[in-house]
Structure formats: structure tokens, C-alpha cells
Amino acid sequence: MRQPIVRVAGLLACALVLTTACQEDTPPAVDAAPLPSAPAPPYLCDYIPKAAAKLMTGVSDPIVTGFLKEPVDDVAGHGICTAYEPSGERAQILSAILDTGGIRGQVDEYLKDGGKLLPAIVPGGYGAYVRDRERATHVGAILVQGKARLLVELVRGVEGRDNVADMVAFMKLIAPRLLTNNATPSPGPSPKKRS
């Protein structure tokens, strides 16, 4: 009578080991939700929606350095915002650069490297994106409007997501506020002008 109990216990133990091993081989489910279509707080560097960054990179709470300033009156927007893995290695995962070094020829260079044109995002804007030939989750984009230039690099996107679609949606999400003066107001209170 004792042997059947031992056999049953042994079979259950084997089944548990096999089930656990099979579960470890199954990759975690990828969140395939589209990026938000409108910016909403909380933000990284004041203008990068945290929810969009999380979907693109898979990182919930990145270490963030830098700032981005939107254009005000005749002063162009500027700044650099970089997000890193929160682990000790501080690997860069996403960056955005806003400056006044833009020329249309830079976009043409992306196109020569196998890039594709961005859709119309801002009035008078001209942009492109390109995927790294060796790392499919690495995508860069440039958008120029006059002399204003927005460069975004998804250094490490989520495997299993459409990283190119994420980049295009991300540019649509952040570029209107950072490149044009007629953008939506910033999320915080506006400073009062002195008379």
C-alpha cells in the first residue's frame, strides 16, 4: 500500500517540476496597447508623458536627467531629457534633444540611411525616423521646423512591440508642444507677467 502513495507523490513532484520549467520558458506578455494620443501627467522632464515612456521602454520608474523647455514668444524651445534603467548600470533607454540646430539636410541624411518620412506633425515640419539595422528595438527620429530641431532616440524599446509605430506616435505626442508657439499650455500654472 505504501508503494502507490510514494509513486503518486513522485509523479506529482515530476509534474510540478515540469510545469514550473515550462512557465519559466514562456516570455512575459508584452503590453501591446497603443501610446496615448494626448499628453497627460505625470511627465518626465515636464513634457514626456511617463505612460508613453513606460509602454515604449518597458521601464516603470526610470532615472531621469535634464529638462525640456517649450518655445515662448520668440525664444525657441531647448533642452535634453534622458531616461535610464533604474538598475546600477544606468543604461540609457530613451532621450530627447530640443535645440535650434535644425536643417532639412539632416532629415535627408536619415532618409539616405534607410529611414522613412514622418507624417505631417507640425506646420512646416519635416521629419524622418530610422530603425537600427542590427537592433530592431533601437529607433531614432528627427523633426525640423524652421531652425528648431527635435531629436528622439529610443535606445532600447520593448521586444515584441512595434517600435517604429511607437516612435511615430511619440513624436506626434510631444512635438506639437515643443516645436510650435501655438501649442497647448504647459501642465503646470503659467507664470504671471509683470506690468
N, C-alpha and C. Protein backbone atom coordinates (compact mmCIF):
# COMPACT_ATOMS: atom_id res chain seq x y z
N MET A 1 0.81 -1.19 0.00
CA MET A 1 0.00 0.00 0.00
C MET A 1 0.86 1.26 0.00
N ARG A 2 2.03 1.13 0.62
CA ARG A 2 2.89 2.30 0.74
C ARG A 2 3.49 2.68 -0.62
N GLN A 3 3.78 1.71 -1.50
CA GLN A 3 4.38 1.99 -2.80
C GLN A 3 3.50 2.87 -3.68
N PRO A 4 2.19 2.66 -3.81
CA PRO A 4 1.38 3.53 -4.64
C PRO A 4 1.40 4.98 -4.15
N ILE A 5 1.44 5.19 -2.85
CA ILE A 5 1.48 6.57 -2.33
C ILE A 5 2.80 7.23 -2.72
N VAL A 6 3.89 6.49 -2.59
CA VAL A 6 5.20 7.03 -2.97
C VAL A 6 5.23 7.33 -4.46
N ARG A 7 4.66 6.42 -5.28
CA ARG A 7 4.62 6.63 -6.73
C ARG A 7 3.81 7.87 -7.08
N VAL A 8 2.65 8.02 -6.47
CA VAL A 8 1.79 9.18 -6.74
C VAL A 8 2.51 10.47 -6.33
N ALA A 9 3.17 10.45 -5.18
CA ALA A 9 3.90 11.63 -4.72
C ALA A 9 5.03 11.97 -5.70
N GLY A 10 5.72 10.92 -6.17
CA GLY A 10 6.79 11.13 -7.15
C GLY A 10 6.27 11.71 -8.45
N LEU A 11 5.15 11.21 -8.94
CA LEU A 11 4.55 11.73 -10.17
C LEU A 11 4.11 13.18 -10.01
N LEU A 12 3.53 13.51 -8.86
CA LEU A 12 3.13 14.90 -8.61
C LEU A 12 4.34 15.82 -8.58
N ALA A 13 5.42 15.35 -7.96
CA ALA A 13 6.64 16.15 -7.90
C ALA A 13 7.19 16.39 -9.31
N CYS A 14 7.20 15.35 -10.15
CA CYS A 14 7.67 15.50 -11.53
C CYS A 14 6.78 16.46 -12.31
N ALA A 15 5.48 16.34 -12.12
CA ALA A 15 4.55 17.24 -12.82
C ALA A 15 4.78 18.68 -12.40
N LEU A 16 5.03 18.92 -11.11
CA LEU A 16 5.28 20.27 -10.61
C LEU A 16 6.56 20.83 -11.21
N VAL A 17 7.62 20.03 -11.27
CA VAL A 17 8.89 20.47 -11.85
C VAL A 17 8.70 20.82 -13.32
N LEU A 18 8.01 19.95 -14.07
CA LEU A 18 7.79 20.21 -15.50
C LEU A 18 6.95 21.45 -15.72
N THR A 19 5.92 21.63 -14.91
CA THR A 19 5.07 22.81 -15.04
C THR A 19 5.86 24.07 -14.77
N THR A 20 6.68 24.06 -13.73
CA THR A 20 7.50 25.22 -13.40
C THR A 20 8.49 25.51 -14.52
N ALA A 21 9.13 24.48 -15.05
CA ALA A 21 10.10 24.66 -16.13
C ALA A 21 9.43 25.24 -17.36
N CYS A 22 8.25 24.77 -17.69
CA CYS A 22 7.53 25.29 -18.85
C CYS A 22 7.14 26.74 -18.66
N GLN A 23 6.76 27.12 -17.44
CA GLN A 23 6.38 28.50 -17.18
C GLN A 23 7.57 29.43 -17.30
N GLU A 24 8.75 28.98 -16.90
CA GLU A 24 9.94 29.82 -16.99
C GLU A 24 10.33 30.08 -18.43
N ASP A 25 10.04 29.14 -19.33
CA ASP A 25 10.38 29.32 -20.75
C ASP A 25 9.42 30.27 -21.46
N THR A 26 8.25 30.49 -20.90
CA THR A 26 7.26 31.36 -21.52
C THR A 26 7.65 32.81 -21.26
N PRO A 27 7.88 33.60 -22.32
CA PRO A 27 8.24 35.01 -22.10
C PRO A 27 7.05 35.76 -21.53
N PRO A 28 7.33 36.83 -20.77
CA PRO A 28 6.23 37.61 -20.21
C PRO A 28 5.41 38.25 -21.32
N ALA A 29 4.15 38.46 -21.06
CA ALA A 29 3.26 39.06 -22.06
C ALA A 29 3.69 40.51 -22.32
N VAL A 30 3.66 40.90 -23.58
CA VAL A 30 4.03 42.25 -23.97
C VAL A 30 2.77 43.12 -23.96
N ASP A 31 2.88 44.29 -23.36
CA ASP A 31 1.77 45.23 -23.36
C ASP A 31 1.72 45.87 -24.75
N ALA A 32 0.76 45.49 -25.56
CA ALA A 32 0.65 45.97 -26.94
C ALA A 32 -0.27 47.17 -27.07
N ALA A 33 -0.65 47.78 -25.96
CA ALA A 33 -1.53 48.95 -26.01
C ALA A 33 -0.86 50.07 -26.80
N PRO A 34 -1.63 50.82 -27.58
CA PRO A 34 -1.04 51.95 -28.29
C PRO A 34 -0.63 53.05 -27.33
N LEU A 35 0.30 53.88 -27.76
CA LEU A 35 0.68 55.03 -26.95
C LEU A 35 -0.52 55.97 -26.82
N PRO A 36 -0.58 56.73 -25.74
CA PRO A 36 -1.68 57.69 -25.59
C PRO A 36 -1.69 58.67 -26.78
N SER A 37 -2.88 59.15 -27.14
CA SER A 37 -2.97 60.09 -28.26
C SER A 37 -2.88 61.54 -27.81
N ALA A 38 -2.96 61.77 -26.51
CA ALA A 38 -2.84 63.13 -25.97
C ALA A 38 -1.93 63.08 -24.74
N PRO A 39 -1.08 64.10 -24.58
CA PRO A 39 -0.19 64.11 -23.42
C PRO A 39 -0.98 64.29 -22.12
N ALA A 40 -0.56 63.59 -21.07
CA ALA A 40 -1.20 63.70 -19.77
C ALA A 40 -0.16 63.44 -18.68
N PRO A 41 -0.29 64.11 -17.54
CA PRO A 41 0.65 63.88 -16.44
C PRO A 41 0.50 62.48 -15.88
N PRO A 42 1.49 61.98 -15.20
CA PRO A 42 2.76 62.61 -14.84
C PRO A 42 3.72 62.63 -16.03
N TYR A 43 4.69 63.55 -15.95
CA TYR A 43 5.65 63.76 -17.03
C TYR A 43 7.08 63.48 -16.57
N LEU A 44 7.92 63.12 -17.52
CA LEU A 44 9.36 63.08 -17.34
C LEU A 44 9.88 64.36 -17.99
N CYS A 45 10.72 65.09 -17.33
CA CYS A 45 11.27 66.35 -17.87
C CYS A 45 10.17 67.31 -18.31
N ASP A 46 9.05 67.30 -17.68
CA ASP A 46 7.92 68.22 -17.89
C ASP A 46 7.11 68.01 -19.16
N TYR A 47 7.61 67.29 -20.16
CA TYR A 47 6.88 67.17 -21.42
C TYR A 47 6.77 65.77 -21.99
N ILE A 48 7.44 64.81 -21.39
CA ILE A 48 7.39 63.44 -21.89
C ILE A 48 6.45 62.65 -20.99
N PRO A 49 5.28 62.28 -21.50
CA PRO A 49 4.34 61.53 -20.66
C PRO A 49 4.95 60.22 -20.18
N LYS A 50 4.91 60.02 -18.87
CA LYS A 50 5.50 58.82 -18.26
C LYS A 50 4.84 57.55 -18.78
N ALA A 51 3.53 57.59 -19.02
CA ALA A 51 2.82 56.40 -19.51
C ALA A 51 3.33 55.98 -20.88
N ALA A 52 3.60 56.96 -21.75
CA ALA A 52 4.12 56.65 -23.08
C ALA A 52 5.53 56.07 -22.98
N ALA A 53 6.37 56.69 -22.14
CA ALA A 53 7.74 56.21 -21.97
C ALA A 53 7.75 54.77 -21.44
N LYS A 54 6.83 54.47 -20.52
CA LYS A 54 6.77 53.12 -19.95
C LYS A 54 6.38 52.09 -21.01
N LEU A 55 5.39 52.42 -21.85
CA LEU A 55 5.00 51.49 -22.91
C LEU A 55 6.14 51.26 -23.89
N MET A 56 6.85 52.33 -24.25
CA MET A 56 7.93 52.22 -25.23
C MET A 56 9.14 51.45 -24.72
N THR A 57 9.49 51.67 -23.44
CA THR A 57 10.74 51.10 -22.90
C THR A 57 10.52 49.91 -21.99
N GLY A 58 9.32 49.76 -21.47
CA GLY A 58 9.05 48.69 -20.51
C GLY A 58 9.53 49.00 -19.11
N VAL A 59 10.02 50.23 -18.88
CA VAL A 59 10.56 50.63 -17.58
C VAL A 59 9.56 51.56 -16.89
N SER A 60 9.11 51.16 -15.70
CA SER A 60 8.09 51.93 -14.97
C SER A 60 8.63 53.21 -14.36
N ASP A 61 9.76 53.13 -13.70
CA ASP A 61 10.31 54.28 -12.99
C ASP A 61 11.77 54.50 -13.37
N PRO A 62 12.01 55.08 -14.55
CA PRO A 62 13.40 55.29 -14.97
C PRO A 62 14.05 56.41 -14.16
N ILE A 63 15.36 56.42 -14.16
CA ILE A 63 16.10 57.56 -13.63
C ILE A 63 16.12 58.59 -14.76
N VAL A 64 15.75 59.81 -14.46
CA VAL A 64 15.62 60.84 -15.49
C VAL A 64 16.52 62.02 -15.17
N THR A 65 17.24 62.51 -16.18
CA THR A 65 18.07 63.70 -16.02
C THR A 65 17.70 64.70 -17.11
N GLY A 66 17.92 65.98 -16.82
CA GLY A 66 17.74 67.02 -17.82
C GLY A 66 16.41 67.73 -17.72
N PHE A 67 16.13 68.50 -18.77
CA PHE A 67 14.91 69.30 -18.84
C PHE A 67 14.59 69.57 -20.30
N LEU A 68 13.37 69.96 -20.56
CA LEU A 68 12.95 70.43 -21.88
C LEU A 68 12.13 71.70 -21.65
N LYS A 69 12.40 72.73 -22.43
CA LYS A 69 11.64 73.98 -22.34
C LYS A 69 10.93 74.19 -23.66
N GLU A 70 9.62 74.43 -23.61
CA GLU A 70 8.87 74.69 -24.83
C GLU A 70 9.14 76.13 -25.30
N PRO A 71 8.88 76.44 -26.58
CA PRO A 71 9.11 77.79 -27.07
C PRO A 71 8.16 78.79 -26.40
N VAL A 72 8.67 79.99 -26.14
CA VAL A 72 7.87 81.06 -25.56
C VAL A 72 8.15 82.31 -26.37
N ASP A 73 7.10 82.92 -26.90
CA ASP A 73 7.22 84.11 -27.75
C ASP A 73 8.24 83.83 -28.85
N ASP A 74 9.33 84.60 -28.90
CA ASP A 74 10.34 84.42 -29.95
C ASP A 74 11.51 83.55 -29.49
N VAL A 75 11.44 83.02 -28.30
CA VAL A 75 12.53 82.19 -27.79
C VAL A 75 12.23 80.73 -28.09
N ALA A 76 13.15 80.09 -28.79
CA ALA A 76 12.95 78.70 -29.18
C ALA A 76 13.05 77.77 -27.97
N GLY A 77 12.38 76.64 -28.08
CA GLY A 77 12.49 75.62 -27.05
C GLY A 77 13.87 75.00 -27.08
N HIS A 78 14.27 74.43 -25.94
CA HIS A 78 15.59 73.80 -25.87
C HIS A 78 15.65 72.84 -24.69
N GLY A 79 16.67 72.00 -24.69
CA GLY A 79 16.93 71.10 -23.57
C GLY A 79 17.24 69.69 -24.01
N ILE A 80 17.63 68.90 -23.03
CA ILE A 80 17.92 67.48 -23.23
C ILE A 80 17.28 66.72 -22.07
N CYS A 81 16.58 65.67 -22.39
CA CYS A 81 15.97 64.81 -21.38
C CYS A 81 16.41 63.38 -21.67
N THR A 82 16.96 62.72 -20.66
CA THR A 82 17.44 61.35 -20.85
C THR A 82 16.88 60.46 -19.74
N ALA A 83 16.38 59.30 -20.13
CA ALA A 83 15.88 58.31 -19.18
C ALA A 83 16.81 57.10 -19.19
N TYR A 84 17.08 56.59 -17.98
CA TYR A 84 18.00 55.47 -17.81
C TYR A 84 17.29 54.34 -17.06
N GLU A 85 17.82 53.13 -17.22
CA GLU A 85 17.40 51.99 -16.42
C GLU A 85 17.61 52.36 -14.95
N PRO A 86 16.71 51.97 -14.06
CA PRO A 86 16.92 52.28 -12.65
C PRO A 86 17.95 51.38 -11.96
N SER A 87 18.47 50.40 -12.67
CA SER A 87 19.48 49.50 -12.10
C SER A 87 20.80 50.23 -11.95
N GLY A 88 21.75 49.60 -11.30
CA GLY A 88 23.05 50.21 -11.06
C GLY A 88 23.84 50.54 -12.31
N GLU A 89 23.54 49.87 -13.43
CA GLU A 89 24.33 50.11 -14.64
C GLU A 89 23.97 51.40 -15.35
N ARG A 90 22.82 51.98 -15.05
CA ARG A 90 22.34 53.24 -15.65
C ARG A 90 22.43 53.23 -17.18
N ALA A 91 21.90 52.21 -17.79
CA ALA A 91 21.88 52.12 -19.24
C ALA A 91 20.81 53.07 -19.78
N GLN A 92 21.17 53.85 -20.76
CA GLN A 92 20.23 54.80 -21.38
C GLN A 92 19.16 54.03 -22.15
N ILE A 93 17.89 54.47 -22.00
CA ILE A 93 16.80 53.79 -22.71
C ILE A 93 16.04 54.72 -23.65
N LEU A 94 16.01 56.04 -23.34
CA LEU A 94 15.25 57.00 -24.15
C LEU A 94 15.86 58.37 -23.97
N SER A 95 15.96 59.13 -25.06
CA SER A 95 16.44 60.51 -24.93
C SER A 95 15.74 61.41 -25.94
N ALA A 96 15.62 62.67 -25.56
CA ALA A 96 15.04 63.70 -26.43
C ALA A 96 15.92 64.93 -26.35
N ILE A 97 16.24 65.50 -27.50
CA ILE A 97 17.05 66.71 -27.58
C ILE A 97 16.26 67.74 -28.37
N LEU A 98 16.14 68.93 -27.83
CA LEU A 98 15.44 70.04 -28.48
C LEU A 98 16.41 71.20 -28.58
N ASP A 99 16.67 71.67 -29.81
CA ASP A 99 17.59 72.78 -29.98
C ASP A 99 17.27 73.56 -31.26
N THR A 100 18.16 74.48 -31.61
CA THR A 100 17.94 75.31 -32.81
C THR A 100 18.95 74.97 -33.90
N GLY A 101 19.43 73.74 -33.93
CA GLY A 101 20.42 73.35 -34.93
C GLY A 101 19.83 72.62 -36.11
N GLY A 102 18.56 72.81 -36.37
CA GLY A 102 17.91 72.02 -37.40
C GLY A 102 18.04 72.57 -38.81
N ILE A 103 18.32 71.67 -39.74
CA ILE A 103 18.27 71.98 -41.17
C ILE A 103 17.67 70.76 -41.88
N ARG A 104 17.01 71.01 -42.99
CA ARG A 104 16.33 69.94 -43.71
C ARG A 104 17.30 68.85 -44.18
N GLY A 105 18.54 69.20 -44.42
CA GLY A 105 19.53 68.23 -44.86
C GLY A 105 19.76 67.11 -43.85
N GLN A 106 19.57 67.41 -42.57
CA GLN A 106 19.73 66.37 -41.55
C GLN A 106 18.65 65.30 -41.70
N VAL A 107 17.45 65.72 -42.04
CA VAL A 107 16.36 64.77 -42.28
C VAL A 107 16.70 63.92 -43.50
N ASP A 108 17.23 64.56 -44.53
CA ASP A 108 17.61 63.83 -45.74
C ASP A 108 18.66 62.76 -45.44
N GLU A 109 19.55 63.02 -44.48
CA GLU A 109 20.55 62.02 -44.09
C GLU A 109 19.88 60.78 -43.48
N TYR A 110 18.85 60.99 -42.67
CA TYR A 110 18.10 59.86 -42.12
C TYR A 110 17.50 59.04 -43.27
N LEU A 111 16.96 59.74 -44.28
CA LEU A 111 16.34 59.05 -45.41
C LEU A 111 17.37 58.26 -46.21
N LYS A 112 18.58 58.80 -46.36
CA LYS A 112 19.65 58.08 -47.06
C LYS A 112 20.08 56.83 -46.30
N ASP A 113 19.92 56.86 -44.97
CA ASP A 113 20.27 55.70 -44.14
C ASP A 113 19.15 54.66 -44.09
N GLY A 114 18.17 54.79 -44.96
CA GLY A 114 17.08 53.82 -44.99
C GLY A 114 15.87 54.24 -44.18
N GLY A 115 15.86 55.49 -43.72
CA GLY A 115 14.74 55.98 -42.93
C GLY A 115 13.51 56.26 -43.78
N LYS A 116 12.44 56.56 -43.09
CA LYS A 116 11.16 56.88 -43.73
C LYS A 116 10.70 58.25 -43.24
N LEU A 117 9.94 58.94 -44.07
CA LEU A 117 9.41 60.24 -43.69
C LEU A 117 8.38 60.11 -42.58
N LEU A 118 8.43 61.03 -41.63
CA LEU A 118 7.38 61.12 -40.63
C LEU A 118 6.14 61.74 -41.28
N PRO A 119 4.96 61.42 -40.80
CA PRO A 119 3.77 62.10 -41.31
C PRO A 119 3.80 63.57 -40.87
N ALA A 120 2.92 64.38 -41.43
CA ALA A 120 2.84 65.78 -41.02
C ALA A 120 2.45 65.84 -39.54
N ILE A 121 3.29 66.48 -38.73
CA ILE A 121 3.03 66.57 -37.29
C ILE A 121 2.85 68.01 -36.85
N VAL A 122 3.72 68.91 -37.35
CA VAL A 122 3.62 70.33 -37.03
C VAL A 122 3.64 71.11 -38.33
N PRO A 123 3.01 72.30 -38.38
CA PRO A 123 3.02 73.09 -39.61
C PRO A 123 4.46 73.41 -40.04
N GLY A 124 4.77 73.15 -41.29
CA GLY A 124 6.11 73.43 -41.82
C GLY A 124 7.16 72.45 -41.34
N GLY A 125 6.76 71.38 -40.69
CA GLY A 125 7.72 70.41 -40.17
C GLY A 125 8.15 69.42 -41.23
N TYR A 126 9.36 68.93 -41.08
CA TYR A 126 9.92 67.94 -42.00
C TYR A 126 10.71 66.97 -41.14
N GLY A 127 10.34 65.69 -41.18
CA GLY A 127 11.00 64.75 -40.29
C GLY A 127 11.09 63.34 -40.85
N ALA A 128 11.89 62.54 -40.17
CA ALA A 128 12.09 61.15 -40.58
C ALA A 128 12.44 60.32 -39.36
N TYR A 129 12.30 59.01 -39.52
CA TYR A 129 12.70 58.08 -38.48
C TYR A 129 13.49 56.96 -39.14
N VAL A 130 14.35 56.30 -38.37
CA VAL A 130 15.13 55.20 -38.89
C VAL A 130 15.31 54.15 -37.79
N ARG A 131 15.21 52.89 -38.18
CA ARG A 131 15.42 51.77 -37.26
C ARG A 131 16.84 51.27 -37.44
N ASP A 132 17.48 50.94 -36.35
CA ASP A 132 18.82 50.37 -36.37
C ASP A 132 18.77 49.03 -37.10
N ARG A 133 19.69 48.82 -38.03
CA ARG A 133 19.69 47.58 -38.81
C ARG A 133 20.06 46.36 -37.97
N GLU A 134 20.82 46.58 -36.90
CA GLU A 134 21.28 45.46 -36.08
C GLU A 134 20.42 45.23 -34.84
N ARG A 135 19.79 46.27 -34.33
CA ARG A 135 18.94 46.13 -33.13
C ARG A 135 17.56 46.70 -33.46
N ALA A 136 16.61 45.83 -33.67
CA ALA A 136 15.27 46.25 -34.11
C ALA A 136 14.55 47.12 -33.09
N THR A 137 14.93 47.05 -31.82
CA THR A 137 14.26 47.86 -30.80
C THR A 137 14.89 49.24 -30.64
N HIS A 138 15.88 49.56 -31.45
CA HIS A 138 16.58 50.85 -31.41
C HIS A 138 16.10 51.70 -32.60
N VAL A 139 15.40 52.80 -32.29
CA VAL A 139 14.82 53.65 -33.33
C VAL A 139 15.14 55.11 -33.02
N GLY A 140 15.50 55.86 -34.05
CA GLY A 140 15.75 57.29 -33.90
C GLY A 140 14.85 58.09 -34.81
N ALA A 141 14.57 59.34 -34.41
CA ALA A 141 13.73 60.22 -35.24
C ALA A 141 14.22 61.65 -35.12
N ILE A 142 13.98 62.41 -36.18
CA ILE A 142 14.31 63.83 -36.22
C ILE A 142 13.12 64.56 -36.82
N LEU A 143 12.81 65.72 -36.26
CA LEU A 143 11.76 66.58 -36.80
C LEU A 143 12.26 68.01 -36.76
N VAL A 144 12.29 68.66 -37.92
CA VAL A 144 12.78 70.02 -38.05
C VAL A 144 11.62 70.93 -38.43
N GLN A 145 11.54 72.06 -37.77
CA GLN A 145 10.55 73.10 -38.11
C GLN A 145 11.31 74.42 -38.07
N GLY A 146 11.58 74.99 -39.26
CA GLY A 146 12.46 76.16 -39.31
C GLY A 146 13.83 75.73 -38.81
N LYS A 147 14.38 76.48 -37.82
CA LYS A 147 15.66 76.09 -37.23
C LYS A 147 15.47 75.19 -36.02
N ALA A 148 14.26 75.05 -35.53
CA ALA A 148 14.02 74.20 -34.37
C ALA A 148 14.16 72.74 -34.78
N ARG A 149 14.77 71.96 -33.88
CA ARG A 149 15.00 70.55 -34.17
C ARG A 149 14.70 69.72 -32.92
N LEU A 150 13.95 68.64 -33.13
CA LEU A 150 13.66 67.68 -32.07
C LEU A 150 14.23 66.33 -32.51
N LEU A 151 15.14 65.82 -31.72
CA LEU A 151 15.75 64.51 -31.95
C LEU A 151 15.30 63.58 -30.83
N VAL A 152 14.81 62.42 -31.17
CA VAL A 152 14.41 61.44 -30.16
C VAL A 152 15.07 60.12 -30.50
N GLU A 153 15.60 59.47 -29.46
CA GLU A 153 16.22 58.16 -29.65
C GLU A 153 15.63 57.18 -28.65
N LEU A 154 15.00 56.16 -29.17
CA LEU A 154 14.54 55.03 -28.36
C LEU A 154 15.70 54.04 -28.38
N VAL A 155 16.54 54.12 -27.36
CA VAL A 155 17.76 53.31 -27.33
C VAL A 155 17.42 51.84 -27.15
N ARG A 156 16.44 51.57 -26.29
CA ARG A 156 16.05 50.19 -26.08
C ARG A 156 14.55 50.11 -25.88
N GLY A 157 13.87 49.73 -26.96
CA GLY A 157 12.43 49.55 -26.89
C GLY A 157 12.09 48.15 -26.40
N VAL A 158 10.81 47.89 -26.31
CA VAL A 158 10.33 46.60 -25.82
C VAL A 158 10.26 45.61 -26.98
N GLU A 159 10.90 44.46 -26.81
CA GLU A 159 10.82 43.41 -27.83
C GLU A 159 9.38 42.92 -27.91
N GLY A 160 8.87 42.78 -29.13
CA GLY A 160 7.50 42.34 -29.32
C GLY A 160 6.54 43.48 -29.59
N ARG A 161 6.97 44.73 -29.34
CA ARG A 161 6.16 45.89 -29.69
C ARG A 161 6.62 46.40 -31.05
N ASP A 162 5.78 47.18 -31.71
CA ASP A 162 6.16 47.82 -32.96
C ASP A 162 6.88 49.12 -32.58
N ASN A 163 8.20 49.04 -32.47
CA ASN A 163 8.99 50.17 -32.00
C ASN A 163 8.94 51.36 -32.95
N VAL A 164 8.81 51.10 -34.24
CA VAL A 164 8.69 52.19 -35.21
C VAL A 164 7.36 52.92 -35.02
N ALA A 165 6.27 52.17 -34.88
CA ALA A 165 4.97 52.80 -34.63
C ALA A 165 5.00 53.59 -33.32
N ASP A 166 5.69 53.05 -32.31
CA ASP A 166 5.83 53.77 -31.04
C ASP A 166 6.54 55.11 -31.27
N MET A 167 7.61 55.10 -32.07
CA MET A 167 8.36 56.34 -32.30
C MET A 167 7.50 57.37 -33.01
N VAL A 168 6.78 56.96 -34.04
CA VAL A 168 5.92 57.89 -34.78
C VAL A 168 4.85 58.46 -33.85
N ALA A 169 4.21 57.61 -33.06
CA ALA A 169 3.18 58.07 -32.11
C ALA A 169 3.78 58.99 -31.06
N PHE A 170 4.99 58.69 -30.61
CA PHE A 170 5.66 59.51 -29.60
C PHE A 170 5.97 60.91 -30.15
N MET A 171 6.45 60.97 -31.38
CA MET A 171 6.72 62.28 -32.00
C MET A 171 5.43 63.08 -32.12
N LYS A 172 4.34 62.42 -32.49
CA LYS A 172 3.05 63.11 -32.58
C LYS A 172 2.60 63.61 -31.22
N LEU A 173 2.98 62.90 -30.19
CA LEU A 173 2.57 63.22 -28.83
C LEU A 173 3.32 64.43 -28.26
N ILE A 174 4.65 64.50 -28.49
CA ILE A 174 5.43 65.55 -27.84
C ILE A 174 5.82 66.72 -28.73
N ALA A 175 5.94 66.51 -30.04
CA ALA A 175 6.45 67.57 -30.93
C ALA A 175 5.58 68.83 -30.99
N PRO A 176 4.26 68.74 -31.04
CA PRO A 176 3.48 69.97 -31.14
C PRO A 176 3.73 70.95 -30.00
N ARG A 177 3.97 70.47 -28.81
CA ARG A 177 4.23 71.37 -27.68
C ARG A 177 5.65 71.90 -27.69
N LEU A 178 6.58 71.13 -28.20
CA LEU A 178 7.98 71.52 -28.12
C LEU A 178 8.48 72.31 -29.32
N LEU A 179 7.78 72.24 -30.43
CA LEU A 179 8.27 72.93 -31.63
C LEU A 179 7.46 74.16 -32.02
N THR A 180 6.24 74.28 -31.61
CA THR A 180 5.41 75.40 -32.07
C THR A 180 5.00 76.30 -30.93
N ASN A 181 4.84 77.57 -31.23
CA ASN A 181 4.40 78.55 -30.23
C ASN A 181 2.91 78.47 -29.96
N ASN A 182 2.14 77.90 -30.87
CA ASN A 182 0.69 77.82 -30.67
C ASN A 182 0.29 76.49 -30.09
N ALA A 183 1.16 75.93 -29.26
CA ALA A 183 0.89 74.62 -28.66
C ALA A 183 -0.02 74.77 -27.44
N THR A 184 -0.46 73.64 -26.92
CA THR A 184 -1.30 73.66 -25.73
C THR A 184 -0.49 74.16 -24.53
N PRO A 185 -1.13 74.76 -23.54
CA PRO A 185 -0.40 75.27 -22.39
C PRO A 185 0.29 74.15 -21.61
N SER A 186 1.33 74.52 -20.86
CA SER A 186 2.05 73.53 -20.08
C SER A 186 1.17 73.01 -18.96
N PRO A 187 1.50 71.82 -18.41
CA PRO A 187 0.62 71.20 -17.42
C PRO A 187 0.52 71.97 -16.12
N GLY A 188 1.53 72.73 -15.78
CA GLY A 188 1.53 73.47 -14.52
C GLY A 188 0.97 74.87 -14.68
N PRO A 189 0.89 75.64 -13.57
CA PRO A 189 0.40 77.00 -13.67
C PRO A 189 1.37 77.88 -14.46
N SER A 190 0.83 78.82 -15.21
CA SER A 190 1.66 79.73 -16.00
C SER A 190 2.21 80.83 -15.10
N PRO A 191 3.47 81.24 -15.34
CA PRO A 191 3.99 82.36 -14.55
C PRO A 191 3.25 83.63 -14.93
N LYS A 192 3.02 84.48 -13.94
CA LYS A 192 2.29 85.73 -14.22
C LYS A 192 3.26 86.76 -14.77
N LYS A 193 2.81 87.48 -15.80
CA LYS A 193 3.63 88.53 -16.41
C LYS A 193 3.52 89.79 -15.57
N ARG A 194 4.65 90.45 -15.43
CA ARG A 194 4.66 91.72 -14.69
C ARG A 194 4.36 92.86 -15.65
N SER A 195 3.64 93.84 -15.16
CA SER A 195 3.29 95.00 -16.00
C SER A 195 4.37 96.03 -15.97
